[in-house]
Amino acid sequence: MSSVYETVCGRVRGRSPARGVVAVLGIPYAEPPFGANRFRAPRPRAPWEGVRDCTVFGPVPPQSAELPGAPSWAPGDEDVLSLNVWAPAGASGPLPVLVWIPGGAYTFGSGAQPDYDGAALARTGLVVVTLNYRLGFEGFGHVPADGTDACPPNRGLLDQIAALEWVRDNITAFGGAPDNVTLAGQSAGATAAVCLMTMDGARGLFRRVIAHSAVGPCFAPELAGRVTARVAAEAGVPATGAALAEASPQALVRASDAVTEAYRKDPDSGRLHWDPVVYGPVADGHLLRDDPLALIAEGTARDIDLLVCHTTEEYWLMDAVGSSADVATAERLRRFASDFGLPGPLMEGYRALMPKAGAYELHLAVYGDLMFGEYSNRLADAHARAGGRVFLSRFDRRRGEGRSRVRAWHCADVPFAFGNVDEESVHFLIGGAPTPGDRRLAELMTAAWSGFAATGDPGWEPGDGHVRVWGAQGASAAPGHWRDSASVRALWGTYTYRPALT
């Protein structure tokens, strides 16, 4: 069974991957960002004749990652600015729309990952869109301006705006309501969504945001420029837009990976030594005026409803995949705290809460809260104080014991919210095949997302006094882990985030 839909650029044909759902995959929303379009803002897609077959995912953006169950990038793949739509079969609409921005440290990932499959959410009555955007240097490399429209900063964010404009102009054909769009993402995708909340170019393209494990702050232009200089040197080209545009995408991917590893090995590289994510949104003063935390505190986005979630043991995932820094001694822990400006009382507070933990475990706990948990909490606090409507939730589902223990770590909440816990590629994240309790938790979380996207009501009251905790036993209104307690929040009251990473 196939279905044909009329878009502004031409007709597209999808397929039915599951009963009652139609998927239309790999729909281009902009011209390929290479050749004359390299390092430029996304260009409108030229129309096509006939019916375009959209039954498989499009190419993914340049990256070195090979993710389970998802397409990999290969040199020569250029038509990477595409999106995917899942809709209830025969939907006449208007149905609420959820647009998902993939995460992946701004350097890897795509809308084709199996945990992002939108079929389960579509069965709740949503039209679901996942998208690709430029990653790594292609999307976030801070290239010196040359006085033309070439090399604008934050090209990945511009791609996301172009995808949202496509949704505005085309989603009615799939049964979606262009005036009832919720923008969602996790990790880098969550921070991108929060950035878009504050940007003039995205104004009016969505009315709600779901942000799981937002990470911050953003880069200052000076730091982004230093990264560009190192990547250009590693690629053997001058750090100019023209010279970098002559370097192949694979050369810049290799150079970026080499620079990432160099930061990881260099204990004198400051914050980038501990988790060298070398790309991200740049607070350039124009497209993105400041870190979104500061802009939200100003009330820039008070008219947008916000649903915030983070996991209670975020950084333990990096331990599980072997990417966490070696913090085996008290001196290394002291250096970590110094590089991030963490106050002594905060570190002593964590030692008191974790009396049996060594330096490594303390580092994982503090760093996870620093990068994800507390930053997410601050976003929620700032939005509420500025007059915005905000809903809070935490993910605290854990499984197993000892070496086989799976914690409530980074990314583990995503397959539950999408309703994809039976997808084999996510079993590492959740600790094996799902239990009946896991499936029930997934039903609760997908219902919350669907309710929020439809009406702005996820099923609990807004405000700090109404926190929904997702755990192995379902949902509750009580913190499930000490790191989500009021005492930990009080410890973080002694810490001030820099406006942007320098």
Protein backbone atom coordinates (compact mmCIF):
# COMPACT_ATOMS: atom_id res chain seq x y z
CA MET A 1 0.00 0.00 0.00
CA SER A 2 1.31 3.47 -0.87
CA SER A 3 0.02 7.00 -0.56
CA VAL A 4 0.75 10.07 -2.66
CA TYR A 5 0.86 13.58 -1.18
CA GLU A 6 1.07 16.96 -2.89
CA THR A 7 3.81 19.27 -1.58
CA VAL A 8 4.82 22.72 -2.77
CA CYS A 9 7.74 21.25 -4.73
CA GLY A 10 5.92 18.22 -6.13
CA ARG A 11 4.21 14.97 -5.33
CA VAL A 12 5.72 12.37 -2.99
CA ARG A 13 4.88 8.72 -2.44
CA GLY A 14 5.16 7.04 0.96
CA ARG A 15 4.55 3.59 2.35
CA SER A 16 2.73 1.94 5.27
CA PRO A 17 5.34 0.51 7.67
CA ALA A 18 2.75 -0.31 10.33
CA ARG A 19 -0.98 -0.72 10.51
CA GLY A 20 -2.78 2.60 10.43
CA VAL A 21 0.35 4.65 9.73
CA VAL A 22 1.90 6.10 6.56
CA ALA A 23 5.58 7.04 6.43
CA VAL A 24 6.97 9.40 3.81
CA LEU A 25 10.76 9.34 4.08
CA GLY A 26 13.63 11.37 2.71
CA ILE A 27 11.62 14.37 1.50
CA PRO A 28 14.08 17.12 0.53
CA TYR A 29 13.31 20.47 2.14
CA ALA A 30 16.27 22.42 0.70
CA GLU A 31 18.89 22.15 -2.01
CA PRO A 32 22.02 20.06 -1.26
CA PRO A 33 24.40 22.27 0.79
CA PHE A 34 27.46 21.60 -1.32
CA GLY A 35 29.09 23.05 -4.41
CA ALA A 36 27.98 26.67 -4.77
CA ASN A 37 25.76 26.20 -1.66
CA ARG A 38 28.61 25.13 0.63
CA PHE A 39 28.66 27.02 3.94
CA ARG A 40 25.68 29.14 2.90
CA ALA A 41 22.20 29.45 4.33
CA PRO A 42 19.90 26.70 3.01
CA ARG A 43 18.46 27.38 -0.44
CA PRO A 44 14.84 26.60 -1.42
CA ARG A 45 14.34 23.25 -3.13
CA ALA A 46 13.66 23.32 -6.85
CA PRO A 47 10.36 21.66 -7.89
CA TRP A 48 10.37 18.22 -9.49
CA GLU A 49 8.17 16.56 -12.08
CA GLY A 50 6.09 13.46 -11.50
CA VAL A 51 5.88 11.53 -8.24
CA ARG A 52 9.01 11.30 -6.09
CA ASP A 53 9.41 7.92 -4.39
CA CYS A 54 9.92 8.62 -0.67
CA THR A 55 9.90 5.14 0.82
CA VAL A 56 13.47 5.07 2.21
CA PHE A 57 15.47 7.52 4.30
CA GLY A 58 17.63 10.06 2.53
CA PRO A 59 21.41 10.36 2.94
CA VAL A 60 22.66 11.52 6.33
CA PRO A 61 24.91 14.57 6.84
CA PRO A 62 28.72 14.16 6.81
CA GLN A 63 29.89 12.42 9.99
CA SER A 64 32.17 9.59 11.07
CA ALA A 65 29.65 7.86 13.34
CA GLU A 66 27.99 4.59 12.35
CA LEU A 67 24.87 4.24 14.46
CA PRO A 68 22.98 0.94 14.90
CA GLY A 69 20.11 0.55 12.48
CA ALA A 70 20.64 3.95 10.83
CA PRO A 71 22.18 4.89 7.46
CA SER A 72 25.85 5.88 7.46
CA TRP A 73 27.33 8.79 5.58
CA ALA A 74 29.53 8.07 2.58
CA PRO A 75 31.65 10.59 0.62
CA GLY A 76 29.56 11.77 -2.30
CA ASP A 77 26.28 11.81 -0.37
CA GLU A 78 25.11 15.40 -0.80
CA ASP A 79 21.30 15.55 -0.76
CA VAL A 80 21.33 15.51 3.05
CA LEU A 81 18.74 18.17 3.90
CA SER A 82 15.67 15.97 4.06
CA LEU A 83 12.92 15.13 6.52
CA ASN A 84 10.58 12.25 7.28
CA VAL A 85 6.85 12.30 8.02
CA TRP A 86 4.72 9.73 9.85
CA ALA A 87 0.97 10.32 9.80
CA PRO A 88 -2.15 8.35 10.66
CA ALA A 89 -3.36 6.62 7.51
CA GLY A 90 -6.17 8.55 5.89
CA ALA A 91 -5.73 11.51 8.23
CA SER A 92 -7.79 14.48 7.09
CA GLY A 93 -6.69 16.70 9.95
CA PRO A 94 -6.01 19.09 11.27
CA LEU A 95 -3.83 17.04 13.63
CA PRO A 96 -1.15 18.34 16.01
CA VAL A 97 2.40 18.13 14.67
CA LEU A 98 5.58 17.12 16.49
CA VAL A 99 8.90 18.02 14.83
CA TRP A 100 11.97 16.21 16.20
CA ILE A 101 15.52 17.58 16.08
CA PRO A 102 18.05 14.73 16.50
CA GLY A 103 20.81 14.99 19.07
CA GLY A 104 24.39 13.78 18.81
CA ALA A 105 26.83 16.41 20.11
CA TYR A 106 26.21 18.43 16.91
CA THR A 107 28.52 16.01 15.10
CA PHE A 108 26.56 12.81 14.50
CA GLY A 109 23.03 11.45 14.19
CA SER A 110 20.08 11.80 11.84
CA GLY A 111 16.33 11.67 11.66
CA ALA A 112 16.60 8.08 10.41
CA GLN A 113 17.64 6.52 13.74
CA PRO A 114 15.34 3.63 14.74
CA ASP A 115 14.64 5.11 18.17
CA TYR A 116 13.17 8.14 16.38
CA ASP A 117 10.65 6.11 14.36
CA GLY A 118 7.40 8.08 14.54
CA ALA A 119 4.87 5.29 14.01
CA ALA A 120 3.88 4.81 17.67
CA LEU A 121 3.40 8.54 18.20
CA ALA A 122 1.43 8.79 14.96
CA ARG A 123 -0.95 6.17 16.30
CA THR A 124 -1.74 8.56 19.18
CA GLY A 125 -3.03 11.10 16.65
CA LEU A 126 0.08 13.14 15.86
CA VAL A 127 1.80 13.93 12.59
CA VAL A 128 5.48 13.33 13.37
CA VAL A 129 8.41 14.88 11.50
CA THR A 130 12.10 14.06 11.98
CA LEU A 131 14.78 15.99 10.13
CA ASN A 132 18.40 16.06 9.08
CA TYR A 133 20.50 19.22 9.40
CA ARG A 134 24.15 20.01 8.79
CA LEU A 135 26.44 18.73 11.53
CA GLY A 136 30.05 19.23 12.52
CA PHE A 137 32.00 21.81 10.60
CA GLU A 138 29.44 21.91 7.79
CA GLY A 139 26.73 23.07 10.21
CA PHE A 140 28.53 24.80 13.06
CA GLY A 141 32.10 25.59 12.04
CA HIS A 142 32.56 29.30 12.73
CA VAL A 143 33.96 30.59 9.45
CA PRO A 144 35.29 34.16 9.16
CA ALA A 145 32.79 36.43 7.39
CA ASP A 146 33.80 37.78 3.99
CA GLY A 147 31.17 40.51 3.64
CA THR A 148 28.80 38.37 1.53
CA ASP A 149 26.05 35.94 2.43
CA ALA A 150 28.58 33.10 2.49
CA CYS A 151 29.49 31.31 5.72
CA PRO A 152 26.82 32.56 8.13
CA PRO A 153 27.20 31.20 11.66
CA ASN A 154 24.88 28.51 13.00
CA ARG A 155 24.11 26.99 9.61
CA GLY A 156 22.67 23.92 11.34
CA LEU A 157 20.10 26.11 13.09
CA LEU A 158 19.27 27.79 9.77
CA ASP A 159 18.63 24.34 8.32
CA GLN A 160 16.23 23.60 11.16
CA ILE A 161 14.36 26.84 10.46
CA ALA A 162 14.11 25.87 6.78
CA ALA A 163 12.65 22.49 7.79
CA LEU A 164 10.10 24.23 10.02
CA GLU A 165 9.16 26.51 7.14
CA TRP A 166 8.63 23.39 5.02
CA VAL A 167 6.31 22.07 7.74
CA ARG A 168 4.39 25.36 7.75
CA ASP A 169 3.94 25.25 3.98
CA ASN A 170 3.31 21.52 3.46
CA ILE A 171 2.13 19.68 6.55
CA THR A 172 -1.55 20.25 5.76
CA ALA A 173 -1.21 17.74 2.92
CA PHE A 174 -0.37 15.05 5.52
CA GLY A 175 -3.25 15.96 7.83
CA GLY A 176 -1.19 18.20 10.08
CA ALA A 177 -2.09 21.60 11.52
CA PRO A 178 0.59 24.19 10.66
CA ASP A 179 -0.59 26.39 13.54
CA ASN A 180 -0.23 23.60 16.13
CA VAL A 181 3.43 22.55 15.92
CA THR A 182 5.54 21.33 18.83
CA LEU A 183 9.31 21.36 18.41
CA ALA A 184 11.16 18.64 20.33
CA GLY A 185 14.67 17.33 20.79
CA GLN A 186 17.10 15.65 23.16
CA SER A 187 20.62 16.69 24.17
CA ALA A 188 22.03 18.76 21.27
CA GLY A 189 18.59 18.59 19.68
CA ALA A 190 17.01 19.97 22.86
CA THR A 191 19.43 22.87 23.03
CA ALA A 192 18.84 23.59 19.35
CA ALA A 193 15.09 23.70 20.01
CA VAL A 194 15.63 26.07 22.94
CA CYS A 195 17.85 28.27 20.76
CA LEU A 196 15.08 28.44 18.15
CA MET A 197 12.65 29.56 20.88
CA THR A 198 14.71 32.75 21.16
CA MET A 199 15.48 33.44 17.48
CA ASP A 200 13.56 35.95 15.39
CA GLY A 201 13.93 33.77 12.29
CA ALA A 202 11.93 30.96 13.93
CA ARG A 203 9.18 33.17 15.36
CA GLY A 204 5.69 31.81 14.67
CA LEU A 205 6.86 28.43 13.32
CA PHE A 206 5.92 26.49 16.50
CA ARG A 207 3.98 27.10 19.71
CA ARG A 208 5.50 24.53 22.12
CA VAL A 209 8.88 22.96 22.87
CA ILE A 210 9.86 19.63 24.44
CA ALA A 211 13.47 19.70 25.65
CA HIS A 212 14.99 16.48 27.00
CA SER A 213 18.47 16.83 28.55
CA ALA A 214 19.32 20.24 27.14
CA VAL A 215 23.05 20.90 27.32
CA GLY A 216 24.75 24.23 27.65
CA PRO A 217 26.00 26.86 27.52
CA CYS A 218 26.58 27.73 23.85
CA PHE A 219 29.93 28.72 22.37
CA ALA A 220 31.26 32.24 22.37
CA PRO A 221 32.58 33.33 18.93
CA GLU A 222 36.15 33.43 20.26
CA LEU A 223 36.14 29.77 21.27
CA ALA A 224 34.39 28.74 18.04
CA GLY A 225 37.04 30.66 16.09
CA ARG A 226 39.86 28.90 17.90
CA VAL A 227 38.31 25.52 17.07
CA THR A 228 38.02 26.55 13.42
CA ALA A 229 41.70 27.54 13.35
CA ARG A 230 42.73 24.14 14.73
CA VAL A 231 40.49 22.22 12.33
CA ALA A 232 41.77 24.23 9.35
CA ALA A 233 45.38 23.59 10.40
CA GLU A 234 44.68 19.88 10.78
CA ALA A 235 43.07 19.84 7.30
CA GLY A 236 46.07 21.73 5.86
CA VAL A 237 44.16 24.78 4.63
CA PRO A 238 43.95 28.44 5.69
CA ALA A 239 41.15 29.31 8.12
CA THR A 240 39.14 31.24 5.54
CA GLY A 241 35.74 30.50 4.11
CA ALA A 242 37.06 30.14 0.55
CA ALA A 243 39.87 27.78 1.55
CA LEU A 244 37.71 25.65 3.82
CA ALA A 245 35.06 25.36 1.08
CA GLU A 246 37.73 23.78 -1.12
CA ALA A 247 38.40 21.09 1.50
CA SER A 248 36.30 17.97 1.02
CA PRO A 249 33.63 17.14 3.60
CA GLN A 250 35.50 13.96 4.51
CA ALA A 251 38.70 15.96 5.09
CA LEU A 252 36.88 18.24 7.54
CA VAL A 253 35.27 15.26 9.30
CA ARG A 254 38.71 13.67 9.72
CA ALA A 255 40.23 16.95 10.88
CA SER A 256 37.40 17.52 13.35
CA ASP A 257 37.85 14.03 14.79
CA ALA A 258 41.60 14.61 15.14
CA VAL A 259 41.08 17.92 16.92
CA THR A 260 38.52 16.32 19.23
CA GLU A 261 41.04 13.64 20.18
CA ALA A 262 43.78 16.23 20.69
CA TYR A 263 41.61 18.13 23.17
CA ARG A 264 40.81 14.88 24.94
CA LYS A 265 44.50 14.07 25.42
CA ASP A 266 45.58 17.56 26.45
CA PRO A 267 44.92 18.26 30.16
CA ASP A 268 45.68 21.94 29.57
CA SER A 269 42.82 22.44 27.11
CA GLY A 270 40.36 23.51 29.81
CA ARG A 271 36.73 22.51 29.51
CA LEU A 272 37.19 20.82 26.15
CA HIS A 273 39.57 18.31 27.73
CA TRP A 274 36.82 16.70 29.80
CA ASP A 275 34.29 16.10 27.02
CA PRO A 276 35.51 17.59 23.76
CA VAL A 277 32.33 18.53 21.95
CA VAL A 278 33.95 20.98 19.56
CA TYR A 279 30.86 22.25 17.73
CA GLY A 280 27.58 23.77 18.76
CA PRO A 281 25.43 26.87 18.47
CA VAL A 282 27.47 30.08 18.62
CA ALA A 283 26.15 33.12 20.48
CA ASP A 284 27.17 35.36 17.59
CA GLY A 285 25.22 38.42 18.74
CA HIS A 286 22.98 38.53 15.68
CA LEU A 287 21.28 35.28 14.62
CA LEU A 288 21.63 33.96 18.18
CA ARG A 289 22.13 37.01 20.37
CA ASP A 290 23.21 35.18 23.51
CA ASP A 291 23.04 31.84 25.26
CA PRO A 292 19.38 30.77 25.27
CA LEU A 293 19.36 30.60 29.08
CA ALA A 294 19.99 34.34 29.22
CA LEU A 295 17.50 35.11 26.46
CA ILE A 296 14.75 33.03 28.04
CA ALA A 297 15.37 34.82 31.33
CA GLU A 298 14.66 38.07 29.46
CA GLY A 299 11.22 36.75 28.50
CA THR A 300 12.10 36.36 24.82
CA ALA A 301 10.03 33.16 24.54
CA ARG A 302 7.41 33.57 27.26
CA ASP A 303 4.60 32.87 24.79
CA ILE A 304 5.94 29.34 24.05
CA ASP A 305 4.95 26.43 26.32
CA LEU A 306 7.95 24.40 27.50
CA LEU A 307 8.17 20.78 28.68
CA VAL A 308 11.56 19.98 30.27
CA CYS A 309 12.93 16.56 31.14
CA HIS A 310 16.33 15.24 32.16
CA THR A 311 17.59 11.91 33.45
CA THR A 312 18.87 11.54 37.01
CA GLU A 313 22.16 9.84 36.02
CA GLU A 314 22.98 11.53 32.72
CA TYR A 315 26.74 11.14 32.44
CA TRP A 316 26.91 7.47 33.31
CA LEU A 317 26.20 6.75 29.63
CA MET A 318 29.59 8.23 28.73
CA ASP A 319 31.16 5.81 31.21
CA ALA A 320 29.28 2.91 29.59
CA VAL A 321 30.49 3.78 26.08
CA GLY A 322 34.06 4.56 27.18
CA SER A 323 34.09 8.26 26.35
CA SER A 324 34.33 9.69 29.87
CA ALA A 325 37.59 11.30 30.93
CA ASP A 326 39.92 9.47 33.30
CA VAL A 327 39.30 11.03 36.72
CA ALA A 328 40.86 8.41 38.97
CA THR A 329 42.52 10.65 41.56
CA ALA A 330 41.59 13.44 43.89
CA GLU A 331 43.98 15.74 42.01
CA ARG A 332 42.23 15.05 38.72
CA LEU A 333 38.88 15.75 40.36
CA ARG A 334 40.26 19.03 41.75
CA ARG A 335 41.49 19.99 38.26
CA PHE A 336 38.08 19.18 36.79
CA ALA A 337 36.35 21.38 39.38
CA SER A 338 38.83 24.19 38.75
CA ASP A 339 38.40 24.11 34.96
CA PHE A 340 34.64 24.52 35.35
CA GLY A 341 34.78 27.00 38.22
CA LEU A 342 32.83 24.66 40.52
CA PRO A 343 32.67 26.07 44.07
CA GLY A 344 34.20 24.10 46.93
CA PRO A 345 30.90 23.86 48.84
CA LEU A 346 29.25 22.23 45.83
CA MET A 347 31.94 19.56 45.56
CA GLU A 348 31.87 18.98 49.32
CA GLY A 349 28.10 18.63 49.16
CA TYR A 350 28.38 15.85 46.60
CA ARG A 351 31.03 14.11 48.72
CA ALA A 352 28.61 14.16 51.64
CA LEU A 353 25.81 12.75 49.52
CA MET A 354 28.08 10.06 48.03
CA PRO A 355 30.31 9.04 50.97
CA LYS A 356 31.40 5.76 49.39
CA ALA A 357 32.14 7.22 45.94
CA GLY A 358 35.62 7.70 44.57
CA ALA A 359 36.85 10.54 42.41
CA TYR A 360 35.57 8.92 39.20
CA GLU A 361 32.00 8.45 40.45
CA LEU A 362 31.92 11.96 41.90
CA HIS A 363 33.05 13.34 38.54
CA LEU A 364 30.30 11.45 36.69
CA ALA A 365 27.64 12.67 39.09
CA VAL A 366 28.72 16.31 39.11
CA TYR A 367 29.43 16.53 35.39
CA GLY A 368 26.10 15.00 34.42
CA ASP A 369 24.25 17.50 36.57
CA LEU A 370 26.44 20.39 35.41
CA MET A 371 26.00 19.74 31.69
CA PHE A 372 22.44 18.45 31.54
CA GLY A 373 20.43 18.26 34.75
CA GLU A 374 21.07 21.67 36.28
CA TYR A 375 21.16 23.46 32.93
CA SER A 376 17.74 21.96 32.13
CA ASN A 377 16.45 23.02 35.54
CA ARG A 378 17.76 26.55 35.01
CA LEU A 379 15.97 26.78 31.67
CA ALA A 380 12.71 25.77 33.35
CA ASP A 381 13.25 28.21 36.23
CA ALA A 382 14.11 31.10 33.92
CA HIS A 383 11.10 30.46 31.67
CA ALA A 384 8.71 30.33 34.63
CA ARG A 385 10.12 33.51 36.19
CA ALA A 386 9.76 35.30 32.86
CA GLY A 387 6.06 34.43 32.71
CA GLY A 388 6.25 31.32 30.54
CA ARG A 389 4.33 28.11 31.10
CA VAL A 390 6.64 25.22 31.94
CA PHE A 391 6.18 21.56 32.84
CA LEU A 392 8.89 19.56 34.63
CA SER A 393 9.69 15.85 34.45
CA ARG A 394 12.58 13.56 35.34
CA PHE A 395 13.51 10.13 34.01
CA ASP A 396 14.63 7.78 36.80
CA ARG A 397 14.04 4.29 35.41
CA ARG A 398 16.88 1.88 36.24
CA ARG A 399 17.32 -1.84 35.70
CA GLY A 400 19.56 -4.63 36.96
CA GLU A 401 22.33 -4.79 39.50
CA GLY A 402 26.13 -4.92 39.57
CA ARG A 403 28.00 -4.85 36.29
CA SER A 404 24.81 -5.42 34.31
CA ARG A 405 23.11 -2.41 35.89
CA VAL A 406 21.53 0.08 33.49
CA ARG A 407 21.14 3.50 35.00
CA ALA A 408 18.80 6.39 34.28
CA TRP A 409 21.42 7.72 31.93
CA HIS A 410 21.59 10.06 28.96
CA CYS A 411 19.38 9.03 25.99
CA ALA A 412 17.58 6.24 27.89
CA ASP A 413 14.35 8.27 28.00
CA VAL A 414 14.09 8.73 24.22
CA PRO A 415 12.85 5.25 23.16
CA PHE A 416 10.22 5.41 25.91
CA ALA A 417 8.92 8.80 24.77
CA PHE A 418 8.79 7.61 21.14
CA GLY A 419 7.23 4.28 22.17
CA ASN A 420 10.08 2.31 20.58
CA VAL A 421 11.31 0.16 23.48
CA ASP A 422 10.89 -3.01 21.40
CA GLU A 423 13.38 -1.75 18.80
CA GLU A 424 16.44 -3.99 19.18
CA SER A 425 18.97 -1.21 18.55
CA VAL A 426 17.89 0.59 21.77
CA HIS A 427 18.24 -2.43 24.05
CA PHE A 428 21.72 -1.35 25.07
CA LEU A 429 20.23 1.91 26.37
CA ILE A 430 17.46 0.23 28.35
CA GLY A 431 19.22 -2.97 29.44
CA GLY A 432 17.74 -5.61 27.13
CA ALA A 433 14.31 -6.49 25.84
CA PRO A 434 11.55 -4.46 27.49
CA THR A 435 9.53 -5.77 30.42
CA PRO A 436 5.75 -5.34 30.65
CA GLY A 437 6.48 -2.45 33.03
CA ASP A 438 8.72 -0.84 30.41
CA ARG A 439 5.96 -1.02 27.83
CA ARG A 440 3.55 0.57 30.28
CA LEU A 441 6.06 3.35 31.00
CA ALA A 442 6.43 3.91 27.25
CA GLU A 443 2.65 4.23 26.92
CA LEU A 444 2.58 6.83 29.68
CA MET A 445 5.41 8.86 28.18
CA THR A 446 4.06 8.81 24.63
CA ALA A 447 0.66 9.86 25.98
CA ALA A 448 2.30 12.78 27.81
CA TRP A 449 4.10 13.93 24.66
CA SER A 450 0.95 13.52 22.58
CA GLY A 451 -1.19 15.42 25.07
CA PHE A 452 1.31 18.25 25.32
CA ALA A 453 1.63 18.50 21.52
CA ALA A 454 -2.14 18.47 21.06
CA THR A 455 -3.31 20.83 23.79
CA GLY A 456 -0.35 21.92 25.91
CA ASP A 457 -1.37 19.52 28.70
CA PRO A 458 0.99 16.56 29.33
CA GLY A 459 -1.15 15.25 32.18
CA TRP A 460 0.12 17.18 35.20
CA GLU A 461 0.13 20.75 36.42
CA PRO A 462 2.76 23.30 35.32
CA GLY A 463 5.32 24.76 37.71
CA ASP A 464 8.12 23.62 39.95
CA GLY A 465 5.78 22.10 42.51
CA HIS A 466 4.46 19.54 40.03
CA VAL A 467 7.31 17.33 38.81
CA ARG A 468 6.47 14.12 36.97
CA VAL A 469 9.02 11.37 37.67
CA TRP A 470 9.25 8.54 35.14
CA GLY A 471 10.46 5.35 36.83
CA ALA A 472 10.41 1.59 36.58
CA GLN A 473 7.06 1.53 38.37
CA GLY A 474 5.48 4.07 36.01
CA ALA A 475 4.93 7.73 36.91
CA SER A 476 4.98 9.46 40.27
CA ALA A 477 5.09 12.94 41.74
CA ALA A 478 7.99 12.27 44.11
CA PRO A 479 11.72 12.47 43.32
CA GLY A 480 13.08 8.99 42.71
CA HIS A 481 16.78 9.72 43.19
CA TRP A 482 18.72 11.93 45.59
CA ARG A 483 20.26 13.86 42.68
CA ASP A 484 16.79 15.20 41.93
CA SER A 485 16.29 16.45 45.49
CA ALA A 486 15.94 19.98 46.82
CA SER A 487 19.27 19.66 48.61
CA VAL A 488 21.11 19.12 45.33
CA ARG A 489 19.36 22.09 43.75
CA ALA A 490 20.48 24.15 46.72
CA LEU A 491 24.10 23.11 46.15
CA TRP A 492 23.89 24.37 42.57
CA GLY A 493 22.64 27.70 43.83
CA THR A 494 26.30 28.56 44.47
CA TYR A 495 27.21 28.12 40.78
CA THR A 496 26.81 30.62 37.94
CA TYR A 497 26.87 29.50 34.30
CA ARG A 498 28.99 31.65 32.04
CA PRO A 499 26.83 33.35 29.37
CA ALA A 500 28.73 31.42 26.68
CA LEU A 501 31.71 29.12 26.65
CA THR A 502 34.95 31.01 26.13
